[in-house]
Amino acid sequence: MDRTEFILVTSVMLFVAFALGWVACWLVRRLGRTTTADMGELDRMAHALHEAEEARDQAMGYLEQREAELTNQLNQTEAELNAAMDGLQHSRQEAEELRAYIERINAR
């Protein structure tokens, strides 16, 4: 193989590689193209996702508010229970003192 044949074979191989690359690029662009309908569907999906995120954020806000209200109510109920238990303990102690007083009076 002389120098001219080598240059010719190399040139043909480079041209074939270029042609295959161009065909592959065209094929990828052709298959990857999005249509107007696809874009419309993507827009609808993005809008629906945005609405769902807003609804989720509102629900989370409501849950946090409700949790704070219930925690406050629980704390108030516990405070009332503690006050009632203290009152009951005081009443029991007073009742015991009165029983002891009555027994002492009756024992005389």
Protein backbone atom coordinates (compact mmCIF):
# COMPACT_ATOMS: atom_id res chain seq x y z
CA MET A 1 0.00 0.00 0.00
CA ASP A 2 1.56 3.20 -1.09
CA ARG A 3 1.07 6.64 0.32
CA THR A 4 -1.84 7.63 -1.99
CA GLU A 5 -3.86 4.49 -1.19
CA PHE A 6 -3.27 4.99 2.53
CA ILE A 7 -4.53 8.61 2.33
CA LEU A 8 -7.54 7.50 0.28
CA VAL A 9 -8.47 4.67 2.69
CA THR A 10 -8.01 6.97 5.69
CA SER A 11 -10.17 9.65 4.05
CA VAL A 12 -12.95 7.16 3.29
CA MET A 13 -12.85 5.83 6.87
CA LEU A 14 -13.05 9.37 8.29
CA PHE A 15 -15.95 10.22 5.97
CA VAL A 16 -17.83 7.05 7.00
CA ALA A 17 -17.24 7.89 10.68
CA PHE A 18 -18.51 11.44 10.07
CA ALA A 19 -21.59 10.14 8.24
CA LEU A 20 -22.37 7.63 11.01
CA GLY A 21 -22.00 10.37 13.63
CA TRP A 22 -24.28 12.69 11.69
CA VAL A 23 -26.93 9.95 11.27
CA ALA A 24 -26.71 9.11 14.98
CA CYS A 25 -27.11 12.79 15.92
CA TRP A 26 -30.11 13.16 13.61
CA LEU A 27 -31.68 9.99 15.02
CA VAL A 28 -31.23 11.16 18.62
CA ARG A 29 -32.76 14.55 17.85
CA ARG A 30 -35.65 12.94 15.99
CA LEU A 31 -36.46 10.52 18.80
CA GLY A 32 -35.90 13.02 21.61
CA ARG A 33 -38.13 15.74 20.20
CA THR A 34 -41.04 16.85 22.39
CA THR A 35 -44.36 17.79 20.88
CA THR A 36 -46.70 20.61 21.81
CA ALA A 37 -49.09 18.11 23.38
CA ASP A 38 -46.27 16.77 25.55
CA MET A 39 -45.41 20.29 26.67
CA GLY A 40 -49.07 20.95 27.49
CA GLU A 41 -49.19 17.76 29.54
CA LEU A 42 -45.99 18.74 31.34
CA ASP A 43 -47.48 22.16 32.13
CA ARG A 44 -50.65 20.54 33.52
CA MET A 45 -48.59 18.15 35.61
CA ALA A 46 -46.44 21.01 36.95
CA HIS A 47 -49.58 22.99 37.84
CA ALA A 48 -51.13 19.98 39.58
CA LEU A 49 -47.89 19.39 41.49
CA HIS A 50 -47.80 23.02 42.57
CA GLU A 51 -51.41 22.83 43.82
CA ALA A 52 -50.66 19.59 45.66
CA GLU A 53 -47.65 21.16 47.35
CA GLU A 54 -49.74 24.16 48.42
CA ALA A 55 -52.43 21.84 49.80
CA ARG A 56 -49.77 19.86 51.66
CA ASP A 57 -48.30 23.05 53.13
CA GLN A 58 -51.77 24.17 54.26
CA ALA A 59 -52.44 20.77 55.80
CA MET A 60 -49.10 20.84 57.61
CA GLY A 61 -49.88 24.32 58.93
CA TYR A 62 -53.30 23.18 60.12
CA LEU A 63 -51.78 20.11 61.80
CA GLU A 64 -49.16 22.22 63.58
CA GLN A 65 -51.84 24.66 64.76
CA ARG A 66 -54.10 21.84 65.91
CA GLU A 67 -51.22 20.11 67.68
CA ALA A 68 -50.39 23.35 69.52
CA GLU A 69 -54.05 23.74 70.55
CA LEU A 70 -54.26 20.15 71.78
CA THR A 71 -50.97 20.46 73.66
CA ASN A 72 -52.24 23.60 75.34
CA GLN A 73 -55.53 21.92 76.20
CA LEU A 74 -53.66 18.90 77.58
CA ASN A 75 -51.47 21.12 79.74
CA GLN A 76 -54.55 22.92 81.08
CA THR A 77 -56.28 19.61 81.78
CA GLU A 78 -53.21 18.29 83.60
CA ALA A 79 -53.06 21.46 85.69
CA GLU A 80 -56.76 21.10 86.55
CA LEU A 81 -56.22 17.43 87.42
CA ASN A 82 -53.30 18.29 89.69
CA ALA A 83 -55.38 20.98 91.39
CA ALA A 84 -58.28 18.54 91.82
CA MET A 85 -55.94 15.86 93.21
CA ASP A 86 -54.47 18.37 95.66
CA GLY A 87 -57.97 19.41 96.72
CA LEU A 88 -58.99 15.77 97.13
CA GLN A 89 -55.91 15.02 99.20
CA HIS A 90 -56.63 18.05 101.38
CA SER A 91 -60.28 16.97 101.77
CA ARG A 92 -59.25 13.43 102.74
CA GLN A 93 -56.81 14.77 105.30
CA GLU A 94 -59.49 17.05 106.70
CA ALA A 95 -61.98 14.17 106.83
CA GLU A 96 -59.45 12.05 108.73
CA GLU A 97 -58.88 14.87 111.18
CA LEU A 98 -62.65 15.25 111.72
CA ARG A 99 -63.06 11.47 112.24
CA ALA A 100 -60.25 11.49 114.78
CA TYR A 101 -61.85 14.49 116.52
CA ILE A 102 -65.28 12.81 116.59
CA GLU A 103 -63.77 9.57 117.94
CA ARG A 104 -61.97 11.51 120.67
CA ILE A 105 -65.18 13.29 121.65
CA ASN A 106 -67.18 10.05 121.67
CA ALA A 107 -64.47 8.26 123.65
CA ARG A 108 -64.80 10.69 126.60
